Each structure stands twice: as structure tokens, then as C-alpha cells.
Amino acid sequence: MVRIILGSKSDIGIGDQIKSMLDDFGVRYDLHISSAHRNPEQTKLLASEAEILGYQVIIAAAGMAAHLPGVIASYTILPVIGVPLSGSALSGIDSLYSVVQMPTGIPVATVAVDGAKNAAILAIEILALSDPGLKLKLQSYRQSFVS
């Protein structure tokens, strides 16, 4: 199961792309909107309870200062995949640097700016390590890219 956390309602388009890819693979998920700055306690709860509730991966998408993925990673040992978002004056480069520059001990896997589909695929790859059926679906999906 994957928990998706978006930093803002304006990020719902990215959330829809993540959900669509997870749906294609039959992966269960939930989606929440929680800003690390405006809702710090809610964000902490969403991260800290995820493992207890059976989630195996968290995808966090945020723009501008993009602290959300790092904040989430600080409250869980689950893999966190950060999706830096464009939309700022710097076209997402600020978000990318914020997500990718985590201190030692609190890693966040980071995909490209607006890389929602790759975030979902990375989550699927992680889940496929312990799910043979999902692994077969993933192998078939990858074959579709081979000429």
C-alpha cells in the first residue's frame, strides 16, 4: 500500500497522475493533502502512523520550498519518494534542490521535477520486491518499452 501526500490542493493534478499509475498496477493507496508548514501536526501523524496502518511506501509531492518529503522522512523509516514540483519562479529547481539535499540518515528518493509517473513506478518497484504478482506486472510493463 502507498500513501500519497500532497503539499497543496493545487497539486491534485500530480496526485491524479500518481493514482492513475498505481491503479494500472492494482496497487492500493490513499491520498492526503497536508502542508509541512501549514499543517505540521497532521503531516507528522500521516507519516508516523503509515507503517502501523500497513503502508509500505510514501510518495510526497511539494513545490517551492518543498520541505514536505523531508519532514515526512524524518517521522518514518518507510521509503519516501519525493516529487519536486514546478510552478515557482525557478521552474521547480528550488523544489528539486530542497528535496534531494537531505542530511545523512534521512534519505528521500527523488524523481524529476513533476515526475509523478516515475514516483509511482519507483513505489511499485519497491512493492514488487515482496509481491511476485506485482513483479510480473512490472516486468510486462517494462517489456512494452523494449523495441
N, C-alpha and C. Protein backbone atom coordinates (compact mmCIF):
# COMPACT_ATOMS: atom_id res chain seq x y z
N MET A 1 0.83 -1.17 0.00
CA MET A 1 0.00 0.00 0.00
C MET A 1 0.89 1.25 0.00
N VAL A 2 0.41 2.26 -0.71
CA VAL A 2 1.16 3.51 -0.85
C VAL A 2 0.34 4.65 -0.26
N ARG A 3 0.99 5.49 0.49
CA ARG A 3 0.37 6.71 0.99
C ARG A 3 0.91 7.86 0.13
N ILE A 4 0.01 8.64 -0.42
CA ILE A 4 0.37 9.80 -1.22
C ILE A 4 0.02 11.04 -0.41
N ILE A 5 0.98 11.94 -0.27
CA ILE A 5 0.73 13.18 0.45
C ILE A 5 1.15 14.34 -0.45
N LEU A 6 0.20 15.23 -0.69
CA LEU A 6 0.45 16.42 -1.49
C LEU A 6 0.53 17.62 -0.57
N GLY A 7 1.36 18.58 -0.92
CA GLY A 7 1.54 19.75 -0.08
C GLY A 7 0.43 20.78 -0.20
N SER A 8 -0.37 20.68 -1.28
CA SER A 8 -1.39 21.69 -1.52
C SER A 8 -2.48 21.13 -2.44
N LYS A 9 -3.69 21.68 -2.31
CA LYS A 9 -4.78 21.30 -3.22
C LYS A 9 -4.42 21.58 -4.67
N SER A 10 -3.60 22.57 -4.90
CA SER A 10 -3.21 22.91 -6.27
C SER A 10 -2.35 21.82 -6.91
N ASP A 11 -1.88 20.86 -6.13
CA ASP A 11 -1.05 19.76 -6.64
C ASP A 11 -1.87 18.54 -7.03
N ILE A 12 -3.18 18.65 -7.05
CA ILE A 12 -4.04 17.49 -7.28
C ILE A 12 -3.81 16.85 -8.65
N GLY A 13 -3.41 17.62 -9.64
CA GLY A 13 -3.11 17.05 -10.96
C GLY A 13 -1.97 16.06 -10.90
N ILE A 14 -0.96 16.36 -10.11
CA ILE A 14 0.17 15.43 -9.91
C ILE A 14 -0.33 14.20 -9.16
N GLY A 15 -1.16 14.42 -8.16
CA GLY A 15 -1.74 13.30 -7.41
C GLY A 15 -2.54 12.38 -8.33
N ASP A 16 -3.28 12.96 -9.27
CA ASP A 16 -4.06 12.15 -10.21
C ASP A 16 -3.16 11.29 -11.08
N GLN A 17 -2.01 11.82 -11.49
CA GLN A 17 -1.08 11.03 -12.30
C GLN A 17 -0.51 9.85 -11.49
N ILE A 18 -0.20 10.10 -10.24
CA ILE A 18 0.32 9.03 -9.37
C ILE A 18 -0.76 7.97 -9.19
N LYS A 19 -1.96 8.41 -8.87
CA LYS A 19 -3.07 7.47 -8.65
C LYS A 19 -3.34 6.64 -9.90
N SER A 20 -3.32 7.25 -11.05
CA SER A 20 -3.60 6.54 -12.30
C SER A 20 -2.60 5.41 -12.53
N MET A 21 -1.33 5.69 -12.31
CA MET A 21 -0.30 4.66 -12.50
C MET A 21 -0.47 3.54 -11.47
N LEU A 22 -0.75 3.89 -10.22
CA LEU A 22 -0.95 2.86 -9.20
C LEU A 22 -2.20 2.03 -9.52
N ASP A 23 -3.25 2.69 -10.01
CA ASP A 23 -4.46 1.97 -10.42
C ASP A 23 -4.15 0.97 -11.53
N ASP A 24 -3.33 1.37 -12.49
CA ASP A 24 -2.97 0.49 -13.60
C ASP A 24 -2.32 -0.81 -13.12
N PHE A 25 -1.64 -0.74 -11.99
CA PHE A 25 -0.96 -1.92 -11.44
C PHE A 25 -1.75 -2.59 -10.31
N GLY A 26 -2.91 -2.04 -9.99
CA GLY A 26 -3.73 -2.62 -8.94
C GLY A 26 -3.17 -2.40 -7.54
N VAL A 27 -2.40 -1.33 -7.36
CA VAL A 27 -1.80 -1.03 -6.06
C VAL A 27 -2.75 -0.14 -5.26
N ARG A 28 -2.99 -0.54 -4.03
CA ARG A 28 -3.86 0.26 -3.15
C ARG A 28 -3.09 1.46 -2.61
N TYR A 29 -3.83 2.53 -2.38
CA TYR A 29 -3.23 3.77 -1.91
C TYR A 29 -4.29 4.63 -1.24
N ASP A 30 -3.83 5.65 -0.55
CA ASP A 30 -4.71 6.74 -0.15
C ASP A 30 -4.00 8.04 -0.47
N LEU A 31 -4.74 9.12 -0.47
CA LEU A 31 -4.19 10.42 -0.81
C LEU A 31 -4.64 11.45 0.22
N HIS A 32 -3.67 12.24 0.66
CA HIS A 32 -3.95 13.30 1.63
C HIS A 32 -3.30 14.59 1.17
N ILE A 33 -3.89 15.70 1.56
CA ILE A 33 -3.28 17.00 1.35
C ILE A 33 -2.89 17.53 2.72
N SER A 34 -1.59 17.76 2.88
CA SER A 34 -1.10 18.21 4.18
C SER A 34 0.21 18.96 3.99
N SER A 35 0.20 20.22 4.30
CA SER A 35 1.39 21.05 4.17
C SER A 35 2.28 20.89 5.40
N ALA A 36 3.56 20.73 5.15
CA ALA A 36 4.51 20.65 6.26
C ALA A 36 4.56 21.97 7.03
N HIS A 37 4.21 23.06 6.37
CA HIS A 37 4.25 24.38 7.02
C HIS A 37 2.92 24.76 7.65
N ARG A 38 1.82 24.51 6.94
CA ARG A 38 0.51 24.93 7.44
C ARG A 38 -0.16 23.90 8.35
N ASN A 39 0.19 22.62 8.19
CA ASN A 39 -0.41 21.55 8.99
C ASN A 39 0.66 20.62 9.54
N PRO A 40 1.61 21.12 10.31
CA PRO A 40 2.72 20.27 10.74
C PRO A 40 2.30 19.07 11.59
N GLU A 41 1.33 19.23 12.44
CA GLU A 41 0.91 18.10 13.29
C GLU A 41 0.22 17.02 12.47
N GLN A 42 -0.62 17.43 11.54
CA GLN A 42 -1.29 16.46 10.66
C GLN A 42 -0.26 15.73 9.80
N THR A 43 0.71 16.46 9.27
CA THR A 43 1.77 15.86 8.46
C THR A 43 2.56 14.84 9.27
N LYS A 44 2.89 15.20 10.49
CA LYS A 44 3.61 14.28 11.37
C LYS A 44 2.80 13.01 11.61
N LEU A 45 1.51 13.15 11.85
CA LEU A 45 0.65 11.99 12.09
C LEU A 45 0.56 11.10 10.85
N LEU A 46 0.37 11.70 9.69
CA LEU A 46 0.28 10.92 8.45
C LEU A 46 1.54 10.10 8.21
N ALA A 47 2.69 10.67 8.53
CA ALA A 47 3.96 9.96 8.36
C ALA A 47 4.16 8.91 9.43
N SER A 48 3.95 9.27 10.68
CA SER A 48 4.27 8.36 11.78
C SER A 48 3.31 7.18 11.91
N GLU A 49 2.08 7.34 11.45
CA GLU A 49 1.12 6.24 11.55
C GLU A 49 1.13 5.32 10.32
N ALA A 50 1.79 5.73 9.26
CA ALA A 50 1.70 5.00 7.99
C ALA A 50 2.12 3.53 8.13
N GLU A 51 3.24 3.27 8.73
CA GLU A 51 3.72 1.89 8.85
C GLU A 51 2.76 1.05 9.69
N ILE A 52 2.28 1.60 10.77
CA ILE A 52 1.34 0.89 11.64
C ILE A 52 0.07 0.50 10.88
N LEU A 53 -0.35 1.37 9.96
CA LEU A 53 -1.56 1.13 9.17
C LEU A 53 -1.32 0.23 7.95
N GLY A 54 -0.09 -0.21 7.75
CA GLY A 54 0.20 -1.16 6.69
C GLY A 54 0.76 -0.58 5.40
N TYR A 55 1.05 0.71 5.40
CA TYR A 55 1.65 1.31 4.20
C TYR A 55 3.10 0.89 4.12
N GLN A 56 3.61 0.76 2.88
CA GLN A 56 4.98 0.32 2.68
C GLN A 56 5.86 1.39 2.04
N VAL A 57 5.24 2.36 1.41
CA VAL A 57 5.95 3.44 0.73
C VAL A 57 5.10 4.71 0.85
N ILE A 58 5.79 5.85 0.94
CA ILE A 58 5.10 7.13 0.92
C ILE A 58 5.63 7.95 -0.25
N ILE A 59 4.73 8.51 -1.03
CA ILE A 59 5.10 9.46 -2.08
C ILE A 59 4.64 10.83 -1.61
N ALA A 60 5.57 11.79 -1.60
CA ALA A 60 5.25 13.14 -1.15
C ALA A 60 5.61 14.13 -2.26
N ALA A 61 4.65 14.95 -2.65
CA ALA A 61 4.86 15.92 -3.71
C ALA A 61 4.67 17.33 -3.17
N ALA A 62 5.65 18.20 -3.46
CA ALA A 62 5.56 19.58 -2.98
C ALA A 62 6.38 20.49 -3.87
N GLY A 63 5.98 21.73 -3.91
CA GLY A 63 6.69 22.72 -4.70
C GLY A 63 7.32 23.78 -3.83
N MET A 64 7.94 24.73 -4.49
CA MET A 64 8.65 25.85 -3.86
C MET A 64 9.67 25.34 -2.85
N ALA A 65 9.50 25.64 -1.58
CA ALA A 65 10.48 25.22 -0.58
C ALA A 65 10.53 23.70 -0.45
N ALA A 66 9.42 23.05 -0.76
CA ALA A 66 9.35 21.58 -0.86
C ALA A 66 9.91 20.84 0.35
N HIS A 67 9.57 21.26 1.53
CA HIS A 67 10.04 20.57 2.73
C HIS A 67 9.25 19.31 3.05
N LEU A 68 8.10 19.14 2.43
CA LEU A 68 7.21 18.03 2.78
C LEU A 68 7.88 16.66 2.74
N PRO A 69 8.54 16.25 1.65
CA PRO A 69 9.14 14.92 1.66
C PRO A 69 10.16 14.71 2.78
N GLY A 70 10.97 15.72 3.05
CA GLY A 70 11.97 15.60 4.12
C GLY A 70 11.35 15.54 5.50
N VAL A 71 10.32 16.34 5.72
CA VAL A 71 9.63 16.30 7.01
C VAL A 71 9.02 14.91 7.22
N ILE A 72 8.38 14.39 6.19
CA ILE A 72 7.78 13.06 6.29
C ILE A 72 8.85 12.01 6.58
N ALA A 73 9.97 12.08 5.86
CA ALA A 73 11.05 11.11 6.08
C ALA A 73 11.60 11.17 7.50
N SER A 74 11.51 12.32 8.13
CA SER A 74 12.03 12.44 9.50
C SER A 74 11.14 11.75 10.52
N TYR A 75 9.92 11.40 10.14
CA TYR A 75 8.98 10.77 11.07
C TYR A 75 8.70 9.30 10.77
N THR A 76 9.41 8.71 9.81
CA THR A 76 9.16 7.31 9.47
C THR A 76 10.43 6.67 8.93
N ILE A 77 10.49 5.35 9.02
CA ILE A 77 11.59 4.64 8.37
C ILE A 77 11.13 4.01 7.05
N LEU A 78 9.88 4.25 6.67
CA LEU A 78 9.41 3.79 5.37
C LEU A 78 10.14 4.54 4.26
N PRO A 79 10.29 3.91 3.10
CA PRO A 79 10.86 4.65 1.97
C PRO A 79 9.95 5.82 1.60
N VAL A 80 10.55 6.98 1.41
CA VAL A 80 9.82 8.18 0.99
C VAL A 80 10.35 8.59 -0.38
N ILE A 81 9.43 8.77 -1.30
CA ILE A 81 9.77 9.23 -2.64
C ILE A 81 9.27 10.66 -2.78
N GLY A 82 10.18 11.57 -3.05
CA GLY A 82 9.83 12.97 -3.18
C GLY A 82 9.63 13.35 -4.63
N VAL A 83 8.57 14.10 -4.88
CA VAL A 83 8.30 14.63 -6.21
C VAL A 83 8.38 16.16 -6.12
N PRO A 84 9.49 16.73 -6.58
CA PRO A 84 9.58 18.19 -6.59
C PRO A 84 8.68 18.74 -7.70
N LEU A 85 7.99 19.83 -7.41
CA LEU A 85 7.02 20.36 -8.37
C LEU A 85 7.45 21.70 -8.94
N SER A 86 7.10 21.89 -10.20
CA SER A 86 7.36 23.18 -10.85
C SER A 86 6.28 24.16 -10.40
N GLY A 87 6.32 25.34 -10.95
CA GLY A 87 5.29 26.31 -10.61
C GLY A 87 5.85 27.52 -9.88
N SER A 88 7.09 27.42 -9.46
CA SER A 88 7.70 28.55 -8.78
C SER A 88 8.43 29.42 -9.82
N ALA A 89 8.95 30.52 -9.38
CA ALA A 89 9.71 31.41 -10.26
C ALA A 89 10.94 30.71 -10.83
N LEU A 90 11.40 29.67 -10.16
CA LEU A 90 12.59 28.95 -10.61
C LEU A 90 12.24 27.65 -11.35
N SER A 91 10.99 27.49 -11.75
CA SER A 91 10.52 26.35 -12.54
C SER A 91 10.77 25.00 -11.88
N GLY A 92 10.80 24.96 -10.58
CA GLY A 92 10.94 23.70 -9.86
C GLY A 92 12.35 23.35 -9.44
N ILE A 93 13.35 24.11 -9.88
CA ILE A 93 14.73 23.82 -9.48
C ILE A 93 14.89 24.00 -7.97
N ASP A 94 14.22 25.01 -7.41
CA ASP A 94 14.25 25.20 -5.96
C ASP A 94 13.67 24.00 -5.23
N SER A 95 12.58 23.47 -5.77
CA SER A 95 11.94 22.28 -5.18
C SER A 95 12.86 21.07 -5.28
N LEU A 96 13.48 20.90 -6.44
CA LEU A 96 14.39 19.77 -6.64
C LEU A 96 15.53 19.81 -5.63
N TYR A 97 16.16 20.96 -5.48
CA TYR A 97 17.27 21.08 -4.53
C TYR A 97 16.80 20.82 -3.10
N SER A 98 15.63 21.30 -2.77
CA SER A 98 15.12 21.12 -1.41
C SER A 98 14.86 19.65 -1.10
N VAL A 99 14.34 18.92 -2.07
CA VAL A 99 14.00 17.51 -1.84
C VAL A 99 15.25 16.63 -1.87
N VAL A 100 16.16 16.89 -2.78
CA VAL A 100 17.29 16.00 -2.97
C VAL A 100 18.41 16.21 -1.94
N GLN A 101 18.48 17.37 -1.33
CA GLN A 101 19.57 17.69 -0.40
C GLN A 101 19.22 17.37 1.05
N MET A 102 18.92 16.12 1.31
CA MET A 102 18.58 15.70 2.67
C MET A 102 19.85 15.35 3.45
N PRO A 103 19.82 15.56 4.76
CA PRO A 103 21.00 15.23 5.56
C PRO A 103 21.19 13.72 5.68
N THR A 104 22.40 13.33 5.93
CA THR A 104 22.73 11.92 6.13
C THR A 104 21.81 11.32 7.19
N GLY A 105 21.27 10.16 6.90
CA GLY A 105 20.40 9.46 7.85
C GLY A 105 18.92 9.66 7.59
N ILE A 106 18.56 10.65 6.77
CA ILE A 106 17.15 10.90 6.46
C ILE A 106 17.02 11.00 4.92
N PRO A 107 17.21 9.89 4.21
CA PRO A 107 17.17 9.96 2.75
C PRO A 107 15.75 10.11 2.22
N VAL A 108 15.66 10.76 1.07
CA VAL A 108 14.42 10.83 0.30
C VAL A 108 14.79 10.48 -1.14
N ALA A 109 14.20 9.43 -1.67
CA ALA A 109 14.40 9.12 -3.09
C ALA A 109 13.71 10.24 -3.86
N THR A 110 14.38 10.76 -4.87
CA THR A 110 13.85 11.92 -5.57
C THR A 110 13.76 11.65 -7.05
N VAL A 111 12.63 11.98 -7.64
CA VAL A 111 12.44 11.85 -9.08
C VAL A 111 12.52 13.25 -9.71
N ALA A 112 12.39 13.31 -11.01
CA ALA A 112 12.49 14.58 -11.73
C ALA A 112 11.38 15.54 -11.32
N VAL A 113 11.58 16.81 -11.61
CA VAL A 113 10.55 17.80 -11.37
C VAL A 113 9.28 17.37 -12.10
N ASP A 114 8.17 17.33 -11.38
CA ASP A 114 6.87 16.88 -11.89
C ASP A 114 6.87 15.41 -12.33
N GLY A 115 7.78 14.62 -11.78
CA GLY A 115 7.93 13.22 -12.18
C GLY A 115 6.97 12.27 -11.47
N ALA A 116 5.69 12.56 -11.54
CA ALA A 116 4.67 11.78 -10.84
C ALA A 116 4.66 10.31 -11.26
N LYS A 117 4.69 10.06 -12.55
CA LYS A 117 4.62 8.67 -13.02
C LYS A 117 5.84 7.87 -12.56
N ASN A 118 7.03 8.46 -12.63
CA ASN A 118 8.21 7.74 -12.17
C ASN A 118 8.17 7.51 -10.67
N ALA A 119 7.59 8.43 -9.92
CA ALA A 119 7.44 8.21 -8.48
C ALA A 119 6.56 6.98 -8.23
N ALA A 120 5.47 6.89 -8.97
CA ALA A 120 4.58 5.73 -8.82
C ALA A 120 5.29 4.44 -9.23
N ILE A 121 6.04 4.49 -10.33
CA ILE A 121 6.76 3.29 -10.78
C ILE A 121 7.81 2.88 -9.76
N LEU A 122 8.52 3.84 -9.19
CA LEU A 122 9.51 3.51 -8.16
C LEU A 122 8.83 2.87 -6.95
N ALA A 123 7.70 3.39 -6.55
CA ALA A 123 6.95 2.78 -5.45
C ALA A 123 6.54 1.34 -5.81
N ILE A 124 6.11 1.14 -7.03
CA ILE A 124 5.73 -0.20 -7.50
C ILE A 124 6.93 -1.13 -7.47
N GLU A 125 8.09 -0.65 -7.89
CA GLU A 125 9.31 -1.47 -7.85
C GLU A 125 9.62 -1.90 -6.42
N ILE A 126 9.48 -0.98 -5.48
CA ILE A 126 9.73 -1.31 -4.07
C ILE A 126 8.75 -2.38 -3.60
N LEU A 127 7.48 -2.20 -3.90
CA LEU A 127 6.45 -3.17 -3.50
C LEU A 127 6.66 -4.52 -4.17
N ALA A 128 7.15 -4.51 -5.41
CA ALA A 128 7.34 -5.75 -6.17
C ALA A 128 8.43 -6.64 -5.57
N LEU A 129 9.28 -6.09 -4.73
CA LEU A 129 10.31 -6.89 -4.08
C LEU A 129 9.70 -8.00 -3.22
N SER A 130 8.51 -7.78 -2.72
CA SER A 130 7.86 -8.79 -1.86
C SER A 130 6.51 -9.24 -2.42
N ASP A 131 6.23 -8.92 -3.68
CA ASP A 131 4.95 -9.29 -4.29
C ASP A 131 5.19 -9.85 -5.69
N PRO A 132 5.25 -11.18 -5.81
CA PRO A 132 5.56 -11.80 -7.10
C PRO A 132 4.58 -11.42 -8.22
N GLY A 133 3.31 -11.28 -7.90
CA GLY A 133 2.33 -10.89 -8.91
C GLY A 133 2.58 -9.49 -9.44
N LEU A 134 2.92 -8.60 -8.55
CA LEU A 134 3.23 -7.22 -8.94
C LEU A 134 4.52 -7.19 -9.76
N LYS A 135 5.46 -8.04 -9.38
CA LYS A 135 6.72 -8.13 -10.12
C LYS A 135 6.46 -8.54 -11.57
N LEU A 136 5.57 -9.49 -11.78
CA LEU A 136 5.24 -9.91 -13.15
C LEU A 136 4.60 -8.78 -13.94
N LYS A 137 3.70 -8.04 -13.32
CA LYS A 137 3.08 -6.89 -13.98
C LYS A 137 4.13 -5.85 -14.36
N LEU A 138 5.05 -5.63 -13.46
CA LEU A 138 6.11 -4.65 -13.71
C LEU A 138 7.02 -5.10 -14.85
N GLN A 139 7.36 -6.39 -14.87
CA GLN A 139 8.18 -6.92 -15.96
C GLN A 139 7.47 -6.77 -17.30
N SER A 140 6.19 -7.04 -17.33
CA SER A 140 5.41 -6.88 -18.55
C SER A 140 5.37 -5.41 -18.99
N TYR A 141 5.18 -4.53 -18.05
CA TYR A 141 5.17 -3.09 -18.33
C TYR A 141 6.50 -2.66 -18.94
N ARG A 142 7.60 -3.12 -18.36
CA ARG A 142 8.93 -2.77 -18.86
C ARG A 142 9.16 -3.30 -20.26
N GLN A 143 8.64 -4.50 -20.53
CA GLN A 143 8.79 -5.10 -21.87
C GLN A 143 8.14 -4.22 -22.94
N SER A 144 7.12 -3.48 -22.57
CA SER A 144 6.43 -2.63 -23.55
C SER A 144 7.32 -1.50 -24.05
N PHE A 145 8.45 -1.25 -23.37
CA PHE A 145 9.39 -0.21 -23.78
C PHE A 145 10.51 -0.74 -24.64
N VAL A 146 10.64 -2.06 -24.71
CA VAL A 146 11.71 -2.68 -25.49
C VAL A 146 11.26 -2.78 -26.94
N SER A 147 12.12 -2.37 -27.83
CA SER A 147 11.73 -2.42 -29.25
C SER A 147 11.90 -3.77 -29.88
